[in-house]
């Protein structure tokens, strides 16, 4: 399905979270319900292609997580419980039982699966969760906060890219090359409610980081009651591969697949979502 066809076929809906916040989501396809939970500095629009590839087999629901797109603000007391409640509201509204999460969205999905028995199958891509060998995945946070506080948005963006290994090989480019390119991109990229710009999404990173940071070291998943697929990229940054190694040992019913030649953001529109879709289709179907 072409991207234009996906956009035309998608419907826009919303559900109310327990605290009254509106959670907007996109919907496409027919079949068992599958929710795709995006990561940091992303929105539902980043999964349009992936959703389209899965639409022949599933009814795919792609929410904008709080603070992005058509969803309401983070609100006071935001944290992992807020994210679980938001996902629970969507599952109740749609009757979906399958969940896929990428990066920070994988952290949300994993903790939600532990709390919500209605999730019967779970797929995680590069969850930055387990504190493998005492190495923190958030060592770049202080620099990001400093740069954001002083209005250095382009350099803050570069810090996030390099810290997470996002956007494939781009993260390997030197800062002096990346920064002016990112600065120009941020100036030219004007966002909308349906398609938030990178400049709109950049401030939301601190919320994702705080949420992930609050659960690092939580390894109590031995009683997880659903089948789990651990996905990751061969080229994903080292601490994400280490985290998957740790999770593979912790989760009771788990299968591990490493996708060759791709990195952390393979599921996004312009990368290799067909590789991710093939694994998700096999697992959930």
C-alpha atoms as a PDB file:
ATOM      1  CA  UNK A   1       0.000   0.000   0.000  1.00  0.00           C
ATOM      2  CA  UNK A   2       1.484   3.365  -1.029  1.00  0.00           C
ATOM      3  CA  UNK A   3       1.939   6.110   1.538  1.00  0.00           C
ATOM      4  CA  UNK A   4      -0.707   8.231  -0.206  1.00  0.00           C
ATOM      5  CA  UNK A   5      -3.163   5.322  -0.049  1.00  0.00           C
ATOM      6  CA  UNK A   6      -2.380   4.780   3.625  1.00  0.00           C
ATOM      7  CA  UNK A   7      -3.035   8.419   4.463  1.00  0.00           C
ATOM      8  CA  UNK A   8      -6.311   8.345   2.524  1.00  0.00           C
ATOM      9  CA  UNK A   9      -7.453   5.105   4.163  1.00  0.00           C
ATOM     10  CA  UNK A  10      -6.632   6.133   7.728  1.00  0.00           C
ATOM     11  CA  UNK A  11      -9.354   7.490   9.964  1.00  0.00           C
ATOM     12  CA  UNK A  12      -8.702   9.820  12.907  1.00  0.00           C
ATOM     13  CA  UNK A  13     -10.370   9.050  16.222  1.00  0.00           C
ATOM     14  CA  UNK A  14      -9.818   9.759  19.902  1.00  0.00           C
ATOM     15  CA  UNK A  15     -10.411   8.272  23.320  1.00  0.00           C
ATOM     16  CA  UNK A  16     -10.525   9.912  26.754  1.00  0.00           C
ATOM     17  CA  UNK A  17      -7.889   8.868  29.277  1.00  0.00           C
ATOM     18  CA  UNK A  18      -8.934   8.367  32.920  1.00  0.00           C
ATOM     19  CA  UNK A  19      -7.758  11.881  33.825  1.00  0.00           C
ATOM     20  CA  UNK A  20      -9.865  13.387  31.026  1.00  0.00           C
ATOM     21  CA  UNK A  21      -7.004  13.951  28.562  1.00  0.00           C
ATOM     22  CA  UNK A  22      -7.812  13.379  24.898  1.00  0.00           C
ATOM     23  CA  UNK A  23      -5.684  10.689  23.223  1.00  0.00           C
ATOM     24  CA  UNK A  24      -5.882  10.909  19.440  1.00  0.00           C
ATOM     25  CA  UNK A  25      -5.170   7.886  17.280  1.00  0.00           C
ATOM     26  CA  UNK A  26      -5.098   6.785  13.650  1.00  0.00           C
ATOM     27  CA  UNK A  27      -6.849   3.635  12.483  1.00  0.00           C
ATOM     28  CA  UNK A  28      -6.534   1.489   9.371  1.00  0.00           C
ATOM     29  CA  UNK A  29      -7.208  -2.080   8.266  1.00  0.00           C
ATOM     30  CA  UNK A  30      -9.337  -5.061   9.223  1.00  0.00           C
ATOM     31  CA  UNK A  31      -8.740  -7.982  11.548  1.00  0.00           C
ATOM     32  CA  UNK A  32      -7.493  -8.426  15.134  1.00  0.00           C
ATOM     33  CA  UNK A  33      -6.592  -5.168  16.856  1.00  0.00           C
ATOM     34  CA  UNK A  34      -2.918  -4.185  16.978  1.00  0.00           C
ATOM     35  CA  UNK A  35      -1.685  -0.996  18.687  1.00  0.00           C
ATOM     36  CA  UNK A  36       1.608   0.595  17.595  1.00  0.00           C
ATOM     37  CA  UNK A  37       3.246   2.724  20.323  1.00  0.00           C
ATOM     38  CA  UNK A  38       5.851   5.188  19.063  1.00  0.00           C
ATOM     39  CA  UNK A  39       9.014   6.298  20.820  1.00  0.00           C
ATOM     40  CA  UNK A  40      10.606   9.604  21.768  1.00  0.00           C
ATOM     41  CA  UNK A  41      10.705  12.513  19.298  1.00  0.00           C
ATOM     42  CA  UNK A  42       8.062  10.698  17.231  1.00  0.00           C
ATOM     43  CA  UNK A  43       4.320  10.839  16.654  1.00  0.00           C
ATOM     44  CA  UNK A  44       1.705   8.573  15.090  1.00  0.00           C
ATOM     45  CA  UNK A  45       2.521   9.876  11.610  1.00  0.00           C
ATOM     46  CA  UNK A  46       5.930   8.154  11.826  1.00  0.00           C
ATOM     47  CA  UNK A  47       4.208   4.742  11.730  1.00  0.00           C
ATOM     48  CA  UNK A  48       1.981   5.427   8.703  1.00  0.00           C
ATOM     49  CA  UNK A  49       3.909   3.108   6.394  1.00  0.00           C
ATOM     50  CA  UNK A  50       4.215   0.345   8.981  1.00  0.00           C
ATOM     51  CA  UNK A  51       0.476   0.575   9.705  1.00  0.00           C
ATOM     52  CA  UNK A  52      -0.305   0.347   5.996  1.00  0.00           C
ATOM     53  CA  UNK A  53       1.860  -2.742   5.600  1.00  0.00           C
ATOM     54  CA  UNK A  54      -0.032  -4.462   8.427  1.00  0.00           C
ATOM     55  CA  UNK A  55      -3.529  -3.311   7.458  1.00  0.00           C
ATOM     56  CA  UNK A  56      -4.391  -6.370   5.361  1.00  0.00           C
ATOM     57  CA  UNK A  57      -4.121  -8.605   8.441  1.00  0.00           C
ATOM     58  CA  UNK A  58      -4.951  -6.361  11.401  1.00  0.00           C
ATOM     59  CA  UNK A  59      -6.974  -3.373  12.469  1.00  0.00           C
ATOM     60  CA  UNK A  60      -4.056  -1.114  13.324  1.00  0.00           C
ATOM     61  CA  UNK A  61      -4.365   1.676  15.883  1.00  0.00           C
ATOM     62  CA  UNK A  62      -1.579   4.263  16.134  1.00  0.00           C
ATOM     63  CA  UNK A  63      -1.962   6.728  19.010  1.00  0.00           C
ATOM     64  CA  UNK A  64      -0.216  10.034  19.426  1.00  0.00           C
ATOM     65  CA  UNK A  65       1.275   9.670  22.882  1.00  0.00           C
ATOM     66  CA  UNK A  66       0.650  12.596  25.211  1.00  0.00           C
ATOM     67  CA  UNK A  67       2.076  15.978  24.286  1.00  0.00           C
ATOM     68  CA  UNK A  68       2.145  15.191  20.556  1.00  0.00           C
ATOM     69  CA  UNK A  69      -0.123  15.581  17.572  1.00  0.00           C
ATOM     70  CA  UNK A  70      -3.823  15.209  18.320  1.00  0.00           C
ATOM     71  CA  UNK A  71      -3.364  14.199  21.965  1.00  0.00           C
ATOM     72  CA  UNK A  72      -3.577  16.440  24.987  1.00  0.00           C
ATOM     73  CA  UNK A  73      -0.771  17.674  27.252  1.00  0.00           C
ATOM     74  CA  UNK A  74       1.386  15.608  29.581  1.00  0.00           C
ATOM     75  CA  UNK A  75      -0.298  17.083  32.627  1.00  0.00           C
ATOM     76  CA  UNK A  76       0.788  17.081  36.281  1.00  0.00           C
ATOM     77  CA  UNK A  77       2.181  13.864  37.690  1.00  0.00           C
ATOM     78  CA  UNK A  78       3.017  12.439  34.271  1.00  0.00           C
ATOM     79  CA  UNK A  79       4.901   9.130  34.389  1.00  0.00           C
ATOM     80  CA  UNK A  80       4.755   5.464  33.446  1.00  0.00           C
ATOM     81  CA  UNK A  81       1.386   5.030  35.174  1.00  0.00           C
ATOM     82  CA  UNK A  82      -0.067   7.812  33.018  1.00  0.00           C
ATOM     83  CA  UNK A  83       1.141   6.041  29.872  1.00  0.00           C
ATOM     84  CA  UNK A  84      -0.306   2.715  31.036  1.00  0.00           C
ATOM     85  CA  UNK A  85      -3.667   4.360  31.732  1.00  0.00           C
ATOM     86  CA  UNK A  86      -3.672   5.993  28.286  1.00  0.00           C
ATOM     87  CA  UNK A  87      -2.949   2.682  26.570  1.00  0.00           C
ATOM     88  CA  UNK A  88      -5.554   0.892  28.714  1.00  0.00           C
ATOM     89  CA  UNK A  89      -8.189   3.400  27.598  1.00  0.00           C
ATOM     90  CA  UNK A  90      -7.332   2.752  23.951  1.00  0.00           C
ATOM     91  CA  UNK A  91      -7.409  -1.031  24.419  1.00  0.00           C
ATOM     92  CA  UNK A  92     -10.793  -0.812  26.104  1.00  0.00           C
ATOM     93  CA  UNK A  93     -12.157   1.446  23.360  1.00  0.00           C
ATOM     94  CA  UNK A  94     -10.912  -0.721  20.493  1.00  0.00           C
ATOM     95  CA  UNK A  95     -10.905  -4.245  21.950  1.00  0.00           C
ATOM     96  CA  UNK A  96      -7.303  -4.699  20.763  1.00  0.00           C
ATOM     97  CA  UNK A  97      -5.124  -7.335  22.458  1.00  0.00           C
ATOM     98  CA  UNK A  98      -1.831  -6.985  20.542  1.00  0.00           C
ATOM     99  CA  UNK A  99       0.743  -4.243  21.215  1.00  0.00           C
ATOM    100  CA  UNK A 100       4.009  -3.217  19.535  1.00  0.00           C
ATOM    101  CA  UNK A 101       6.274  -0.577  21.067  1.00  0.00           C
ATOM    102  CA  UNK A 102       9.427   1.114  19.798  1.00  0.00           C
ATOM    103  CA  UNK A 103      12.113   2.531  22.109  1.00  0.00           C
ATOM    104  CA  UNK A 104      10.409   4.564  24.880  1.00  0.00           C
ATOM    105  CA  UNK A 105       7.145   3.198  23.491  1.00  0.00           C
ATOM    106  CA  UNK A 106       8.520  -0.292  24.138  1.00  0.00           C
ATOM    107  CA  UNK A 107       9.077   0.676  27.772  1.00  0.00           C
ATOM    108  CA  UNK A 108       5.441   1.790  27.948  1.00  0.00           C
ATOM    109  CA  UNK A 109       4.251  -1.401  26.237  1.00  0.00           C
ATOM    110  CA  UNK A 110       6.253  -3.723  28.515  1.00  0.00           C
ATOM    111  CA  UNK A 111       5.056  -2.124  31.740  1.00  0.00           C
ATOM    112  CA  UNK A 112       1.511  -1.997  30.396  1.00  0.00           C
ATOM    113  CA  UNK A 113       1.633  -5.722  29.571  1.00  0.00           C
ATOM    114  CA  UNK A 114       2.595  -6.470  33.163  1.00  0.00           C
ATOM    115  CA  UNK A 115      -0.357  -4.436  34.443  1.00  0.00           C
ATOM    116  CA  UNK A 116      -2.999  -5.179  31.791  1.00  0.00           C
ATOM    117  CA  UNK A 117      -4.005  -8.812  31.252  1.00  0.00           C
ATOM    118  CA  UNK A 118      -5.905  -7.867  28.086  1.00  0.00           C
ATOM    119  CA  UNK A 119      -2.541  -7.649  26.293  1.00  0.00           C
ATOM    120  CA  UNK A 120      -2.057 -11.204  25.047  1.00  0.00           C
ATOM    121  CA  UNK A 121       0.855 -10.664  22.668  1.00  0.00           C
ATOM    122  CA  UNK A 122       3.622  -8.091  22.928  1.00  0.00           C
ATOM    123  CA  UNK A 123       6.385  -7.029  20.542  1.00  0.00           C
ATOM    124  CA  UNK A 124       9.205  -4.710  21.656  1.00  0.00           C
ATOM    125  CA  UNK A 125      11.808  -3.001  19.498  1.00  0.00           C
ATOM    126  CA  UNK A 126      14.912  -1.754  21.342  1.00  0.00           C
ATOM    127  CA  UNK A 127      13.378  -1.119  24.763  1.00  0.00           C
ATOM    128  CA  UNK A 128      15.815   1.162  26.677  1.00  0.00           C
ATOM    129  CA  UNK A 129      14.791  -0.443  29.921  1.00  0.00           C
ATOM    130  CA  UNK A 130      17.150  -2.789  31.684  1.00  0.00           C
ATOM    131  CA  UNK A 131      20.237  -1.257  33.300  1.00  0.00           C
ATOM    132  CA  UNK A 132      22.618  -3.756  31.711  1.00  0.00           C
ATOM    133  CA  UNK A 133      25.902  -4.059  33.619  1.00  0.00           C
ATOM    134  CA  UNK A 134      25.282  -0.761  35.392  1.00  0.00           C
ATOM    135  CA  UNK A 135      25.544   1.271  32.181  1.00  0.00           C
ATOM    136  CA  UNK A 136      22.963   4.053  32.011  1.00  0.00           C
ATOM    137  CA  UNK A 137      21.372   4.676  28.613  1.00  0.00           C
ATOM    138  CA  UNK A 138      20.735   8.282  29.647  1.00  0.00           C
ATOM    139  CA  UNK A 139      24.237   9.695  30.023  1.00  0.00           C
ATOM    140  CA  UNK A 140      23.442  12.327  27.393  1.00  0.00           C
ATOM    141  CA  UNK A 141      20.502  13.801  29.359  1.00  0.00           C
ATOM    142  CA  UNK A 142      22.374  16.568  31.204  1.00  0.00           C
ATOM    143  CA  UNK A 143      23.814  17.911  27.960  1.00  0.00           C
ATOM    144  CA  UNK A 144      20.380  17.836  26.287  1.00  0.00           C
ATOM    145  CA  UNK A 145      18.812  19.739  29.214  1.00  0.00           C
ATOM    146  CA  UNK A 146      21.582  22.347  29.191  1.00  0.00           C
ATOM    147  CA  UNK A 147      21.233  22.922  25.456  1.00  0.00           C
ATOM    148  CA  UNK A 148      17.439  23.138  25.636  1.00  0.00           C
ATOM    149  CA  UNK A 149      17.554  25.567  28.564  1.00  0.00           C
ATOM    150  CA  UNK A 150      19.841  27.883  26.588  1.00  0.00           C
ATOM    151  CA  UNK A 151      17.851  27.667  23.362  1.00  0.00           C
ATOM    152  CA  UNK A 152      20.426  25.561  21.532  1.00  0.00           C
ATOM    153  CA  UNK A 153      17.765  23.445  19.850  1.00  0.00           C
ATOM    154  CA  UNK A 154      19.869  22.202  16.939  1.00  0.00           C
ATOM    155  CA  UNK A 155      22.670  20.979  19.188  1.00  0.00           C
ATOM    156  CA  UNK A 156      20.101  19.457  21.583  1.00  0.00           C
ATOM    157  CA  UNK A 157      18.647  17.536  18.655  1.00  0.00           C
ATOM    158  CA  UNK A 158      22.121  16.267  17.746  1.00  0.00           C
ATOM    159  CA  UNK A 159      22.657  15.219  21.371  1.00  0.00           C
ATOM    160  CA  UNK A 160      19.483  13.118  21.291  1.00  0.00           C
ATOM    161  CA  UNK A 161      20.432  11.545  17.951  1.00  0.00           C
ATOM    162  CA  UNK A 162      23.898  10.635  19.152  1.00  0.00           C
ATOM    163  CA  UNK A 163      22.680   9.495  22.572  1.00  0.00           C
ATOM    164  CA  UNK A 164      20.042   7.131  21.233  1.00  0.00           C
ATOM    165  CA  UNK A 165      21.609   6.092  17.935  1.00  0.00           C
ATOM    166  CA  UNK A 166      18.470   7.222  16.103  1.00  0.00           C
ATOM    167  CA  UNK A 167      18.244   7.859  12.362  1.00  0.00           C
ATOM    168  CA  UNK A 168      20.590   5.110  11.289  1.00  0.00           C
ATOM    169  CA  UNK A 169      24.084   6.113  10.253  1.00  0.00           C
ATOM    170  CA  UNK A 170      23.365   9.826  10.728  1.00  0.00           C
ATOM    171  CA  UNK A 171      24.324   9.456  14.388  1.00  0.00           C
ATOM    172  CA  UNK A 172      27.887   8.614  13.347  1.00  0.00           C
ATOM    173  CA  UNK A 173      28.443  11.952  11.603  1.00  0.00           C
ATOM    174  CA  UNK A 174      30.487  14.545  13.546  1.00  0.00           C
ATOM    175  CA  UNK A 175      28.646  17.313  15.378  1.00  0.00           C
ATOM    176  CA  UNK A 176      30.129  20.078  13.244  1.00  0.00           C
ATOM    177  CA  UNK A 177      28.568  18.438  10.189  1.00  0.00           C
ATOM    178  CA  UNK A 178      25.227  17.586  11.748  1.00  0.00           C
ATOM    179  CA  UNK A 179      24.482  20.789  13.650  1.00  0.00           C
ATOM    180  CA  UNK A 180      24.098  23.277  10.741  1.00  0.00           C
ATOM    181  CA  UNK A 181      22.073  20.750   8.741  1.00  0.00           C
ATOM    182  CA  UNK A 182      19.753  20.153  11.690  1.00  0.00           C
ATOM    183  CA  UNK A 183      19.449  23.900  12.332  1.00  0.00           C
ATOM    184  CA  UNK A 184      18.292  24.463   8.743  1.00  0.00           C
ATOM    185  CA  UNK A 185      15.903  21.513   8.933  1.00  0.00           C
ATOM    186  CA  UNK A 186      14.327  22.824  12.138  1.00  0.00           C
ATOM    187  CA  UNK A 187      13.800  26.262  10.557  1.00  0.00           C
ATOM    188  CA  UNK A 188      12.181  24.850   7.425  1.00  0.00           C
ATOM    189  CA  UNK A 189      10.114  22.070   8.978  1.00  0.00           C
ATOM    190  CA  UNK A 190       6.765  23.593   9.988  1.00  0.00           C
ATOM    191  CA  UNK A 191       4.484  21.248  11.859  1.00  0.00           C
ATOM    192  CA  UNK A 192       0.735  20.746  12.019  1.00  0.00           C
ATOM    193  CA  UNK A 193      -1.540  18.933  14.447  1.00  0.00           C
ATOM    194  CA  UNK A 194      -1.493  15.874  12.183  1.00  0.00           C
ATOM    195  CA  UNK A 195       2.212  16.116  11.433  1.00  0.00           C
ATOM    196  CA  UNK A 196       4.199  17.653  14.307  1.00  0.00           C
ATOM    197  CA  UNK A 197       7.569  19.071  13.333  1.00  0.00           C
ATOM    198  CA  UNK A 198      10.842  17.911  14.850  1.00  0.00           C
ATOM    199  CA  UNK A 199      10.983  21.268  16.610  1.00  0.00           C
ATOM    200  CA  UNK A 200       7.577  20.529  18.159  1.00  0.00           C
ATOM    201  CA  UNK A 201       8.684  17.077  19.272  1.00  0.00           C
ATOM    202  CA  UNK A 202      12.133  17.942  20.627  1.00  0.00           C
ATOM    203  CA  UNK A 203      10.901  19.340  23.999  1.00  0.00           C
ATOM    204  CA  UNK A 204       8.905  16.147  24.622  1.00  0.00           C
ATOM    205  CA  UNK A 205      12.116  14.140  24.913  1.00  0.00           C
ATOM    206  CA  UNK A 206      12.587  15.208  28.544  1.00  0.00           C
ATOM    207  CA  UNK A 207       9.250  13.605  29.444  1.00  0.00           C
ATOM    208  CA  UNK A 208      10.172  10.333  27.763  1.00  0.00           C
ATOM    209  CA  UNK A 209      13.582  10.351  29.402  1.00  0.00           C
ATOM    210  CA  UNK A 210      12.074  10.983  32.831  1.00  0.00           C
ATOM    211  CA  UNK A 211       9.598   8.165  32.303  1.00  0.00           C
ATOM    212  CA  UNK A 212      12.289   5.716  31.152  1.00  0.00           C
ATOM    213  CA  UNK A 213      14.670   6.804  33.906  1.00  0.00           C
ATOM    214  CA  UNK A 214      12.024   6.115  36.562  1.00  0.00           C
ATOM    215  CA  UNK A 215      11.844   2.416  35.642  1.00  0.00           C
ATOM    216  CA  UNK A 216      15.456   1.599  34.780  1.00  0.00           C
ATOM    217  CA  UNK A 217      16.546  -1.285  36.949  1.00  0.00           C
ATOM    218  CA  UNK A 218      13.020  -2.683  37.288  1.00  0.00           C
ATOM    219  CA  UNK A 219      13.543  -6.279  36.226  1.00  0.00           C
ATOM    220  CA  UNK A 220      10.484  -7.902  37.779  1.00  0.00           C
ATOM    221  CA  UNK A 221       8.973  -9.419  34.629  1.00  0.00           C
ATOM    222  CA  UNK A 222       9.125 -13.122  35.440  1.00  0.00           C
ATOM    223  CA  UNK A 223       5.341 -13.336  35.772  1.00  0.00           C
ATOM    224  CA  UNK A 224       4.546 -11.540  32.518  1.00  0.00           C
ATOM    225  CA  UNK A 225       1.524 -13.365  31.153  1.00  0.00           C
ATOM    226  CA  UNK A 226       1.869 -12.854  27.396  1.00  0.00           C
ATOM    227  CA  UNK A 227       4.008 -14.099  24.543  1.00  0.00           C
ATOM    228  CA  UNK A 228       6.734 -11.589  23.716  1.00  0.00           C
ATOM    229  CA  UNK A 229       8.798 -10.846  20.634  1.00  0.00           C
ATOM    230  CA  UNK A 230      12.045  -8.917  21.154  1.00  0.00           C
ATOM    231  CA  UNK A 231      13.080  -7.068  18.007  1.00  0.00           C
ATOM    232  CA  UNK A 232      16.165  -4.971  17.412  1.00  0.00           C
ATOM    233  CA  UNK A 233      18.513  -3.815  14.720  1.00  0.00           C
ATOM    234  CA  UNK A 234      21.940  -5.234  14.043  1.00  0.00           C
ATOM    235  CA  UNK A 235      23.163  -1.626  13.936  1.00  0.00           C
ATOM    236  CA  UNK A 236      21.304  -0.390  17.030  1.00  0.00           C
ATOM    237  CA  UNK A 237      23.491   1.357  19.589  1.00  0.00           C
ATOM    238  CA  UNK A 238      25.271  -0.961  22.032  1.00  0.00           C
ATOM    239  CA  UNK A 239      23.305  -0.287  25.229  1.00  0.00           C
ATOM    240  CA  UNK A 240      20.038  -1.086  23.423  1.00  0.00           C
ATOM    241  CA  UNK A 241      21.390  -4.453  22.308  1.00  0.00           C
ATOM    242  CA  UNK A 242      22.599  -5.035  25.876  1.00  0.00           C
ATOM    243  CA  UNK A 243      19.142  -4.177  27.229  1.00  0.00           C
ATOM    244  CA  UNK A 244      17.571  -6.714  24.868  1.00  0.00           C
ATOM    245  CA  UNK A 245      20.098  -9.317  26.050  1.00  0.00           C
ATOM    246  CA  UNK A 246      18.969  -8.690  29.608  1.00  0.00           C
ATOM    247  CA  UNK A 247      15.263  -8.726  28.768  1.00  0.00           C
ATOM    248  CA  UNK A 248      15.662 -11.977  26.853  1.00  0.00           C
ATOM    249  CA  UNK A 249      16.816 -13.613  30.099  1.00  0.00           C
ATOM    250  CA  UNK A 250      14.056 -12.030  32.194  1.00  0.00           C
ATOM    251  CA  UNK A 251      10.934 -12.603  30.101  1.00  0.00           C
ATOM    252  CA  UNK A 252       9.262 -16.006  30.460  1.00  0.00           C
ATOM    253  CA  UNK A 253       7.807 -16.557  26.953  1.00  0.00           C
ATOM    254  CA  UNK A 254      10.100 -14.694  24.596  1.00  0.00           C
ATOM    255  CA  UNK A 255      11.529 -14.964  21.100  1.00  0.00           C
ATOM    256  CA  UNK A 256      14.399 -12.761  19.885  1.00  0.00           C
ATOM    257  CA  UNK A 257      14.954 -11.500  16.334  1.00  0.00           C
ATOM    258  CA  UNK A 258      17.769  -9.177  15.262  1.00  0.00           C
ATOM    259  CA  UNK A 259      17.152  -7.532  11.895  1.00  0.00           C
ATOM    260  CA  UNK A 260      20.245  -7.374   9.671  1.00  0.00           C
ATOM    261  CA  UNK A 261      21.562  -4.128   8.262  1.00  0.00           C
ATOM    262  CA  UNK A 262      19.231  -1.784  10.164  1.00  0.00           C
ATOM    263  CA  UNK A 263      19.315   0.242  13.353  1.00  0.00           C
ATOM    264  CA  UNK A 264      17.051   1.652  16.027  1.00  0.00           C
ATOM    265  CA  UNK A 265      14.563   3.431  13.753  1.00  0.00           C
ATOM    266  CA  UNK A 266      13.948   0.741  11.122  1.00  0.00           C
ATOM    267  CA  UNK A 267      10.172   0.839  11.773  1.00  0.00           C
ATOM    268  CA  UNK A 268       9.798   4.478  10.697  1.00  0.00           C
ATOM    269  CA  UNK A 269       8.285   5.550   7.389  1.00  0.00           C
ATOM    270  CA  UNK A 270      11.391   6.200   5.328  1.00  0.00           C
ATOM    271  CA  UNK A 271      13.589   3.427   6.682  1.00  0.00           C
ATOM    272  CA  UNK A 272      12.844  -0.323   6.533  1.00  0.00           C
ATOM    273  CA  UNK A 273       9.345  -0.780   7.984  1.00  0.00           C
ATOM    274  CA  UNK A 274       8.739  -3.735   5.660  1.00  0.00           C
ATOM    275  CA  UNK A 275      11.308  -5.750   7.648  1.00  0.00           C
ATOM    276  CA  UNK A 276       9.565  -4.934  10.913  1.00  0.00           C
ATOM    277  CA  UNK A 277       6.115  -5.562   9.427  1.00  0.00           C
ATOM    278  CA  UNK A 278       7.119  -9.049   8.257  1.00  0.00           C
ATOM    279  CA  UNK A 279       8.207 -10.048  11.772  1.00  0.00           C
ATOM    280  CA  UNK A 280       5.137  -8.510  13.405  1.00  0.00           C
ATOM    281  CA  UNK A 281       2.828 -10.229  10.921  1.00  0.00           C
ATOM    282  CA  UNK A 282       4.388 -13.620  11.606  1.00  0.00           C
ATOM    283  CA  UNK A 283       4.291 -13.131  15.369  1.00  0.00           C
ATOM    284  CA  UNK A 284       0.809 -11.682  15.818  1.00  0.00           C
ATOM    285  CA  UNK A 285      -0.907 -13.733  13.135  1.00  0.00           C
END
